[in-house]
Structures are given as C-alpha cells and as structure tokens.
C-alpha cells in the first residue's frame, strides 16, 4: 500500500492542471476587478454546489464498504449540517444584495448543472476510490481558495464579519477534511486500479468546479 504522502502527492498532481486559483474568475476576484453584480451572480450558482454537497456525502457514505472511510465521510457531513454551511452561504449572498429567495430560485447555468450532476453521479454510481478522489480534489483546494476570497472581499468590496464566515470556516475545516479523505483513500484505493480510479476522480472533481466557474465567467462576460 502506498503511504499517505505518496497518495497526496499523486492526487495533487492529478488536479494541478485545474488549480482553481488560476481560473480567470478567481483571479479577477483576487485583483478586485469583479463587480458586485458578478459576485452576486456567482453566489446564486455556487449555491447549487453548497446546497447539494451534503447529499453527495450522504449518498457516498451509504455505499462505502470500509468503516474508516465511511466515518470520514459522515464526520464531514456532520460538519456541513451542524455548522449550517448553507445558511452561512446565504448570509454571504445577502451581503451582496441577493436575498435567499433570489439565490434559491436563480436557474443554474448548464455548467453549474453539469458540475452538480457530476458529483452526484459519482456519489451514487462510481467506485469508492473515484468518488473520494472527486471530494478530495474539491476540498483540498478550498483552504487556499477560501483565504484568497476572504482577502479579496475585505480589501476590495468592504465585506467582512458574518458575511465571510462561510469562507473562514471552510478555510479551517477543509484542511482536516482533505487530510482525512486522503487517509480514507489509503484504505479504499489499495492497488494500482484503485489508485488510478482515485486519480481519475480527482481530475473529474477539479474539472467539474472549473466548469462551474467557466459558466459564471461566460454569463458575466469575464474572459
């Protein structure tokens, strides 16, 4: 069995071509060149991933044969629900002028729908290694992305306090979540086939989130 450090290095290499902070939308966020309306629209699209995420975890936990991996996913689910991450996201959107009614009723772009469908399909139907790899690709990038978002909101948009709590919380929690997911993959992806599936899942996860951002950038005319 490969050790945890080897798995992390391999999974990170699988997502390197889709490092989310390299996406034009997040680059514009960090530079302060997005408008409030750009961020407002983003809040309605990324909401779909926030809203659906507990469902991915619940569906995956139901199918995982390894008890340690299942515990990792269930602990992640407990954090999502117990800390009311959906409510924290709606608070962020409200700070941009988007009431919860607007957030939940705005139709997803095609790219947003594909992102959510990709994660849900993996949780429902893919191998455990592939599905865990998708989650790792998402959560391993979140801490750095969250820190950049908070800095941009504070520096360029005058948004702070409770409105950025979603990001500050994920900047802390997902450090541990990604470590635990890598440990779960130690137990699930124990041969070359499993590790290849985990890598493929990591690539798919990074691609799915990148695609969601592509849709936001397309709708808002951000090159």
C-alpha atoms as a PDB file:
ATOM      1  CA  UNK A   1       0.000   0.000   0.000  1.00  0.00           C
ATOM      2  CA  UNK A   2       1.282   3.465  -0.881  1.00  0.00           C
ATOM      3  CA  UNK A   3       1.751   5.750   2.107  1.00  0.00           C
ATOM      4  CA  UNK A   4      -0.383   8.817   2.690  1.00  0.00           C
ATOM      5  CA  UNK A   5       2.255  11.281   1.498  1.00  0.00           C
ATOM      6  CA  UNK A   6       2.566   9.436  -1.815  1.00  0.00           C
ATOM      7  CA  UNK A   7      -1.200   9.439  -2.272  1.00  0.00           C
ATOM      8  CA  UNK A   8      -1.478  13.162  -1.544  1.00  0.00           C
ATOM      9  CA  UNK A   9       1.334  13.992  -3.961  1.00  0.00           C
ATOM     10  CA  UNK A  10      -0.257  11.889  -6.677  1.00  0.00           C
ATOM     11  CA  UNK A  11      -3.765  13.302  -6.146  1.00  0.00           C
ATOM     12  CA  UNK A  12      -2.472  16.866  -6.100  1.00  0.00           C
ATOM     13  CA  UNK A  13      -0.622  16.226  -9.347  1.00  0.00           C
ATOM     14  CA  UNK A  14      -3.868  14.969 -10.880  1.00  0.00           C
ATOM     15  CA  UNK A  15      -5.571  18.313 -10.169  1.00  0.00           C
ATOM     16  CA  UNK A  16      -2.644  20.612 -10.966  1.00  0.00           C
ATOM     17  CA  UNK A  17      -3.945  21.433 -14.450  1.00  0.00           C
ATOM     18  CA  UNK A  18      -7.122  22.771 -12.845  1.00  0.00           C
ATOM     19  CA  UNK A  19      -5.765  24.742  -9.907  1.00  0.00           C
ATOM     20  CA  UNK A  20      -8.852  26.792  -9.107  1.00  0.00           C
ATOM     21  CA  UNK A  21      -6.995  29.947  -8.143  1.00  0.00           C
ATOM     22  CA  UNK A  22      -5.709  30.033 -11.720  1.00  0.00           C
ATOM     23  CA  UNK A  23      -9.236  30.370 -13.083  1.00  0.00           C
ATOM     24  CA  UNK A  24      -9.901  33.829 -14.582  1.00  0.00           C
ATOM     25  CA  UNK A  25     -12.907  34.375 -12.321  1.00  0.00           C
ATOM     26  CA  UNK A  26     -10.925  33.796  -9.125  1.00  0.00           C
ATOM     27  CA  UNK A  27      -8.013  35.814 -10.475  1.00  0.00           C
ATOM     28  CA  UNK A  28     -10.390  38.721 -11.039  1.00  0.00           C
ATOM     29  CA  UNK A  29     -11.781  38.242  -7.517  1.00  0.00           C
ATOM     30  CA  UNK A  30      -8.285  38.444  -6.018  1.00  0.00           C
ATOM     31  CA  UNK A  31      -7.491  41.534  -8.097  1.00  0.00           C
ATOM     32  CA  UNK A  32     -10.735  43.278  -7.154  1.00  0.00           C
ATOM     33  CA  UNK A  33     -11.884  43.677 -10.758  1.00  0.00           C
ATOM     34  CA  UNK A  34     -15.193  41.847 -10.376  1.00  0.00           C
ATOM     35  CA  UNK A  35     -18.320  43.907  -9.876  1.00  0.00           C
ATOM     36  CA  UNK A  36     -20.725  43.305  -7.024  1.00  0.00           C
ATOM     37  CA  UNK A  37     -23.167  42.007  -9.633  1.00  0.00           C
ATOM     38  CA  UNK A  38     -20.554  39.469 -10.761  1.00  0.00           C
ATOM     39  CA  UNK A  39     -20.202  38.224  -7.209  1.00  0.00           C
ATOM     40  CA  UNK A  40     -23.951  38.267  -6.729  1.00  0.00           C
ATOM     41  CA  UNK A  41     -24.470  36.022  -9.747  1.00  0.00           C
ATOM     42  CA  UNK A  42     -21.671  33.741  -8.565  1.00  0.00           C
ATOM     43  CA  UNK A  43     -23.443  33.400  -5.210  1.00  0.00           C
ATOM     44  CA  UNK A  44     -26.539  32.059  -6.964  1.00  0.00           C
ATOM     45  CA  UNK A  45     -24.561  29.495  -8.967  1.00  0.00           C
ATOM     46  CA  UNK A  46     -22.145  28.207  -6.360  1.00  0.00           C
ATOM     47  CA  UNK A  47     -25.135  27.877  -4.058  1.00  0.00           C
ATOM     48  CA  UNK A  48     -26.109  24.820  -6.089  1.00  0.00           C
ATOM     49  CA  UNK A  49     -22.882  23.075  -5.064  1.00  0.00           C
ATOM     50  CA  UNK A  50     -23.255  24.195  -1.442  1.00  0.00           C
ATOM     51  CA  UNK A  51     -26.861  23.034  -1.336  1.00  0.00           C
ATOM     52  CA  UNK A  52     -26.112  19.652  -2.899  1.00  0.00           C
ATOM     53  CA  UNK A  53     -22.896  18.830  -1.048  1.00  0.00           C
ATOM     54  CA  UNK A  54     -24.489  17.128   1.995  1.00  0.00           C
ATOM     55  CA  UNK A  55     -26.409  14.910  -0.419  1.00  0.00           C
ATOM     56  CA  UNK A  56     -23.187  13.772  -2.074  1.00  0.00           C
ATOM     57  CA  UNK A  57     -21.740  12.841   1.299  1.00  0.00           C
ATOM     58  CA  UNK A  58     -24.857  11.025   2.469  1.00  0.00           C
ATOM     59  CA  UNK A  59     -25.152   9.002  -0.733  1.00  0.00           C
ATOM     60  CA  UNK A  60     -21.475   8.064  -0.696  1.00  0.00           C
ATOM     61  CA  UNK A  61     -21.497   7.067   2.968  1.00  0.00           C
ATOM     62  CA  UNK A  62     -24.325   4.639   2.234  1.00  0.00           C
ATOM     63  CA  UNK A  63     -22.204   2.781  -0.310  1.00  0.00           C
ATOM     64  CA  UNK A  64     -18.763   2.744   1.285  1.00  0.00           C
ATOM     65  CA  UNK A  65     -17.744  -0.742   2.428  1.00  0.00           C
ATOM     66  CA  UNK A  66     -14.787   0.413   4.524  1.00  0.00           C
ATOM     67  CA  UNK A  67     -15.862   1.592   8.010  1.00  0.00           C
ATOM     68  CA  UNK A  68     -12.986   4.066   8.381  1.00  0.00           C
ATOM     69  CA  UNK A  69     -13.751   5.706   5.042  1.00  0.00           C
ATOM     70  CA  UNK A  70     -17.460   5.815   5.921  1.00  0.00           C
ATOM     71  CA  UNK A  71     -16.648   7.523   9.229  1.00  0.00           C
ATOM     72  CA  UNK A  72     -14.572  10.157   7.430  1.00  0.00           C
ATOM     73  CA  UNK A  73     -17.459  10.975   5.100  1.00  0.00           C
ATOM     74  CA  UNK A  74     -20.029  11.006   7.905  1.00  0.00           C
ATOM     75  CA  UNK A  75     -17.868  13.327  10.023  1.00  0.00           C
ATOM     76  CA  UNK A  76     -17.644  15.652   7.028  1.00  0.00           C
ATOM     77  CA  UNK A  77     -21.432  15.504   6.697  1.00  0.00           C
ATOM     78  CA  UNK A  78     -21.856  16.319  10.380  1.00  0.00           C
ATOM     79  CA  UNK A  79     -19.746  19.451   9.915  1.00  0.00           C
ATOM     80  CA  UNK A  80     -21.737  20.538   6.870  1.00  0.00           C
ATOM     81  CA  UNK A  81     -25.095  20.185   8.569  1.00  0.00           C
ATOM     82  CA  UNK A  82     -24.130  21.022  12.129  1.00  0.00           C
ATOM     83  CA  UNK A  83     -22.423  24.281  11.206  1.00  0.00           C
ATOM     84  CA  UNK A  84     -25.267  25.235   8.819  1.00  0.00           C
ATOM     85  CA  UNK A  85     -22.986  25.831   5.867  1.00  0.00           C
ATOM     86  CA  UNK A  86     -25.979  26.505   3.629  1.00  0.00           C
ATOM     87  CA  UNK A  87     -27.134  29.243   5.984  1.00  0.00           C
ATOM     88  CA  UNK A  88     -23.662  30.763   6.069  1.00  0.00           C
ATOM     89  CA  UNK A  89     -23.613  30.858   2.260  1.00  0.00           C
ATOM     90  CA  UNK A  90     -26.965  32.647   2.159  1.00  0.00           C
ATOM     91  CA  UNK A  91     -25.554  35.207   4.603  1.00  0.00           C
ATOM     92  CA  UNK A  92     -22.680  35.846   2.187  1.00  0.00           C
ATOM     93  CA  UNK A  93     -25.128  36.250  -0.689  1.00  0.00           C
ATOM     94  CA  UNK A  94     -27.254  38.662   1.356  1.00  0.00           C
ATOM     95  CA  UNK A  95     -24.213  40.878   1.894  1.00  0.00           C
ATOM     96  CA  UNK A  96     -24.031  41.174  -1.902  1.00  0.00           C
ATOM     97  CA  UNK A  97     -27.682  42.187  -2.086  1.00  0.00           C
ATOM     98  CA  UNK A  98     -29.033  38.767  -3.056  1.00  0.00           C
ATOM     99  CA  UNK A  99     -31.878  37.642  -0.783  1.00  0.00           C
ATOM    100  CA  UNK A 100     -32.282  33.924  -0.198  1.00  0.00           C
ATOM    101  CA  UNK A 101     -35.337  33.869  -2.479  1.00  0.00           C
ATOM    102  CA  UNK A 102     -33.164  35.050  -5.370  1.00  0.00           C
ATOM    103  CA  UNK A 103     -30.354  32.642  -4.595  1.00  0.00           C
ATOM    104  CA  UNK A 104     -32.532  29.546  -4.478  1.00  0.00           C
ATOM    105  CA  UNK A 105     -34.681  30.485  -7.479  1.00  0.00           C
ATOM    106  CA  UNK A 106     -31.985  31.558  -9.955  1.00  0.00           C
ATOM    107  CA  UNK A 107     -31.684  28.816 -12.593  1.00  0.00           C
ATOM    108  CA  UNK A 108     -28.309  27.091 -12.793  1.00  0.00           C
ATOM    109  CA  UNK A 109     -26.204  27.571 -15.878  1.00  0.00           C
ATOM    110  CA  UNK A 110     -25.575  24.493 -17.964  1.00  0.00           C
ATOM    111  CA  UNK A 111     -22.073  24.338 -16.476  1.00  0.00           C
ATOM    112  CA  UNK A 112     -23.373  24.559 -12.921  1.00  0.00           C
ATOM    113  CA  UNK A 113     -25.868  21.773 -13.590  1.00  0.00           C
ATOM    114  CA  UNK A 114     -23.111  19.593 -15.072  1.00  0.00           C
ATOM    115  CA  UNK A 115     -20.921  20.181 -12.018  1.00  0.00           C
ATOM    116  CA  UNK A 116     -23.633  19.169  -9.565  1.00  0.00           C
ATOM    117  CA  UNK A 117     -24.656  16.196 -11.696  1.00  0.00           C
ATOM    118  CA  UNK A 118     -21.053  15.004 -11.933  1.00  0.00           C
ATOM    119  CA  UNK A 119     -20.570  14.971  -8.162  1.00  0.00           C
ATOM    120  CA  UNK A 120     -23.965  13.385  -7.514  1.00  0.00           C
ATOM    121  CA  UNK A 121     -23.447  10.708 -10.152  1.00  0.00           C
ATOM    122  CA  UNK A 122     -20.049   9.841  -8.679  1.00  0.00           C
ATOM    123  CA  UNK A 123     -21.521   9.568  -5.185  1.00  0.00           C
ATOM    124  CA  UNK A 124     -24.370   7.379  -6.439  1.00  0.00           C
ATOM    125  CA  UNK A 125     -22.691   5.220  -9.047  1.00  0.00           C
ATOM    126  CA  UNK A 126     -18.886   5.469  -9.203  1.00  0.00           C
ATOM    127  CA  UNK A 127     -16.350   3.373  -7.353  1.00  0.00           C
ATOM    128  CA  UNK A 128     -15.492   4.460  -3.827  1.00  0.00           C
ATOM    129  CA  UNK A 129     -11.996   5.456  -4.959  1.00  0.00           C
ATOM    130  CA  UNK A 130     -13.306   7.637  -7.785  1.00  0.00           C
ATOM    131  CA  UNK A 131     -15.922   9.355  -5.591  1.00  0.00           C
ATOM    132  CA  UNK A 132     -13.481  10.008  -2.759  1.00  0.00           C
ATOM    133  CA  UNK A 133     -10.988  11.345  -5.288  1.00  0.00           C
ATOM    134  CA  UNK A 134     -13.590  13.838  -6.523  1.00  0.00           C
ATOM    135  CA  UNK A 135     -14.231  15.064  -2.987  1.00  0.00           C
ATOM    136  CA  UNK A 136     -10.500  15.333  -2.334  1.00  0.00           C
ATOM    137  CA  UNK A 137      -9.984  17.490  -5.424  1.00  0.00           C
ATOM    138  CA  UNK A 138     -12.686  19.862  -4.193  1.00  0.00           C
ATOM    139  CA  UNK A 139     -11.803  20.067  -0.518  1.00  0.00           C
ATOM    140  CA  UNK A 140      -8.018  20.049  -0.854  1.00  0.00           C
ATOM    141  CA  UNK A 141      -8.156  23.307  -2.842  1.00  0.00           C
ATOM    142  CA  UNK A 142     -10.722  25.006  -0.622  1.00  0.00           C
ATOM    143  CA  UNK A 143      -8.442  26.381   2.131  1.00  0.00           C
ATOM    144  CA  UNK A 144      -6.234  28.379  -0.249  1.00  0.00           C
ATOM    145  CA  UNK A 145      -9.219  29.479  -2.324  1.00  0.00           C
ATOM    146  CA  UNK A 146     -11.181  30.489   0.781  1.00  0.00           C
ATOM    147  CA  UNK A 147      -8.312  32.588   2.146  1.00  0.00           C
ATOM    148  CA  UNK A 148      -7.980  34.393  -1.182  1.00  0.00           C
ATOM    149  CA  UNK A 149     -11.718  35.047  -1.298  1.00  0.00           C
ATOM    150  CA  UNK A 150     -11.772  36.499   2.216  1.00  0.00           C
ATOM    151  CA  UNK A 151      -8.833  38.784   1.491  1.00  0.00           C
ATOM    152  CA  UNK A 152     -10.480  39.984  -1.709  1.00  0.00           C
ATOM    153  CA  UNK A 153     -13.838  40.601  -0.053  1.00  0.00           C
ATOM    154  CA  UNK A 154     -12.246  42.589   2.740  1.00  0.00           C
ATOM    155  CA  UNK A 155      -9.786  44.548   0.631  1.00  0.00           C
ATOM    156  CA  UNK A 156     -11.841  45.321  -2.465  1.00  0.00           C
ATOM    157  CA  UNK A 157     -15.516  45.030  -1.560  1.00  0.00           C
ATOM    158  CA  UNK A 158     -15.761  46.082   2.082  1.00  0.00           C
ATOM    159  CA  UNK A 159     -17.345  42.759   3.064  1.00  0.00           C
ATOM    160  CA  UNK A 160     -16.309  41.207   6.372  1.00  0.00           C
ATOM    161  CA  UNK A 161     -17.668  39.754   9.597  1.00  0.00           C
ATOM    162  CA  UNK A 162     -20.529  37.244   9.404  1.00  0.00           C
ATOM    163  CA  UNK A 163     -20.689  37.605   5.611  1.00  0.00           C
ATOM    164  CA  UNK A 164     -17.300  35.897   5.197  1.00  0.00           C
ATOM    165  CA  UNK A 165     -17.803  33.228   7.856  1.00  0.00           C
ATOM    166  CA  UNK A 166     -18.557  30.544   5.265  1.00  0.00           C
ATOM    167  CA  UNK A 167     -15.094  31.035   3.804  1.00  0.00           C
ATOM    168  CA  UNK A 168     -13.195  31.396   7.072  1.00  0.00           C
ATOM    169  CA  UNK A 169     -14.808  28.218   8.381  1.00  0.00           C
ATOM    170  CA  UNK A 170     -14.025  26.216   5.246  1.00  0.00           C
ATOM    171  CA  UNK A 171     -10.502  27.584   5.234  1.00  0.00           C
ATOM    172  CA  UNK A 172     -10.015  25.785   8.534  1.00  0.00           C
ATOM    173  CA  UNK A 173     -12.229  22.695   8.268  1.00  0.00           C
ATOM    174  CA  UNK A 174     -11.180  21.580   4.820  1.00  0.00           C
ATOM    175  CA  UNK A 175      -7.529  21.308   5.788  1.00  0.00           C
ATOM    176  CA  UNK A 176      -8.537  18.418   8.025  1.00  0.00           C
ATOM    177  CA  UNK A 177     -11.232  17.148   5.677  1.00  0.00           C
ATOM    178  CA  UNK A 178      -8.769  16.764   2.811  1.00  0.00           C
ATOM    179  CA  UNK A 179      -6.269  15.000   5.070  1.00  0.00           C
ATOM    180  CA  UNK A 180      -8.950  12.601   6.235  1.00  0.00           C
ATOM    181  CA  UNK A 181     -10.102  11.950   2.674  1.00  0.00           C
ATOM    182  CA  UNK A 182      -6.531  11.087   1.714  1.00  0.00           C
ATOM    183  CA  UNK A 183      -6.383   8.671   4.673  1.00  0.00           C
ATOM    184  CA  UNK A 184      -9.693   7.142   3.597  1.00  0.00           C
ATOM    185  CA  UNK A 185      -8.238   6.590   0.157  1.00  0.00           C
ATOM    186  CA  UNK A 186      -5.337   4.731   1.806  1.00  0.00           C
ATOM    187  CA  UNK A 187      -7.919   2.160   2.893  1.00  0.00           C
ATOM    188  CA  UNK A 188     -10.016   2.110  -0.267  1.00  0.00           C
ATOM    189  CA  UNK A 189      -7.517   2.524  -3.131  1.00  0.00           C
ATOM    190  CA  UNK A 190      -5.119  -0.245  -2.194  1.00  0.00           C
ATOM    191  CA  UNK A 191      -3.908  -1.348  -5.628  1.00  0.00           C
ATOM    192  CA  UNK A 192      -2.941   0.218  -8.938  1.00  0.00           C
ATOM    193  CA  UNK A 193      -6.502   0.033 -10.237  1.00  0.00           C
ATOM    194  CA  UNK A 194      -7.910   1.778  -7.170  1.00  0.00           C
ATOM    195  CA  UNK A 195      -5.252   4.462  -7.233  1.00  0.00           C
ATOM    196  CA  UNK A 196      -5.899   5.091 -10.929  1.00  0.00           C
ATOM    197  CA  UNK A 197      -9.609   5.487 -10.168  1.00  0.00           C
ATOM    198  CA  UNK A 198      -8.839   7.907  -7.327  1.00  0.00           C
ATOM    199  CA  UNK A 199      -6.658   9.974  -9.658  1.00  0.00           C
ATOM    200  CA  UNK A 200      -9.391   9.989 -12.298  1.00  0.00           C
ATOM    201  CA  UNK A 201     -11.887  11.121  -9.687  1.00  0.00           C
ATOM    202  CA  UNK A 202      -9.588  13.926  -8.579  1.00  0.00           C
ATOM    203  CA  UNK A 203      -9.263  15.133 -12.164  1.00  0.00           C
ATOM    204  CA  UNK A 204     -13.032  14.944 -12.625  1.00  0.00           C
ATOM    205  CA  UNK A 205     -13.690  16.885  -9.429  1.00  0.00           C
ATOM    206  CA  UNK A 206     -11.346  19.688 -10.350  1.00  0.00           C
ATOM    207  CA  UNK A 207     -12.775  19.804 -13.877  1.00  0.00           C
ATOM    208  CA  UNK A 208     -16.336  20.000 -12.546  1.00  0.00           C
ATOM    209  CA  UNK A 209     -15.675  23.005 -10.303  1.00  0.00           C
ATOM    210  CA  UNK A 210     -13.613  24.685 -13.038  1.00  0.00           C
ATOM    211  CA  UNK A 211     -16.557  24.204 -15.371  1.00  0.00           C
ATOM    212  CA  UNK A 212     -18.946  25.848 -12.906  1.00  0.00           C
ATOM    213  CA  UNK A 213     -16.633  28.870 -12.821  1.00  0.00           C
ATOM    214  CA  UNK A 214     -16.485  28.848 -16.624  1.00  0.00           C
ATOM    215  CA  UNK A 215     -20.261  29.190 -16.678  1.00  0.00           C
ATOM    216  CA  UNK A 216     -20.230  32.137 -14.273  1.00  0.00           C
ATOM    217  CA  UNK A 217     -17.469  33.841 -16.269  1.00  0.00           C
ATOM    218  CA  UNK A 218     -19.343  33.239 -19.537  1.00  0.00           C
ATOM    219  CA  UNK A 219     -22.590  34.680 -18.229  1.00  0.00           C
ATOM    220  CA  UNK A 220     -20.825  37.729 -16.800  1.00  0.00           C
ATOM    221  CA  UNK A 221     -18.524  38.326 -19.797  1.00  0.00           C
ATOM    222  CA  UNK A 222     -15.304  37.671 -17.894  1.00  0.00           C
ATOM    223  CA  UNK A 223     -12.540  36.401 -20.128  1.00  0.00           C
END
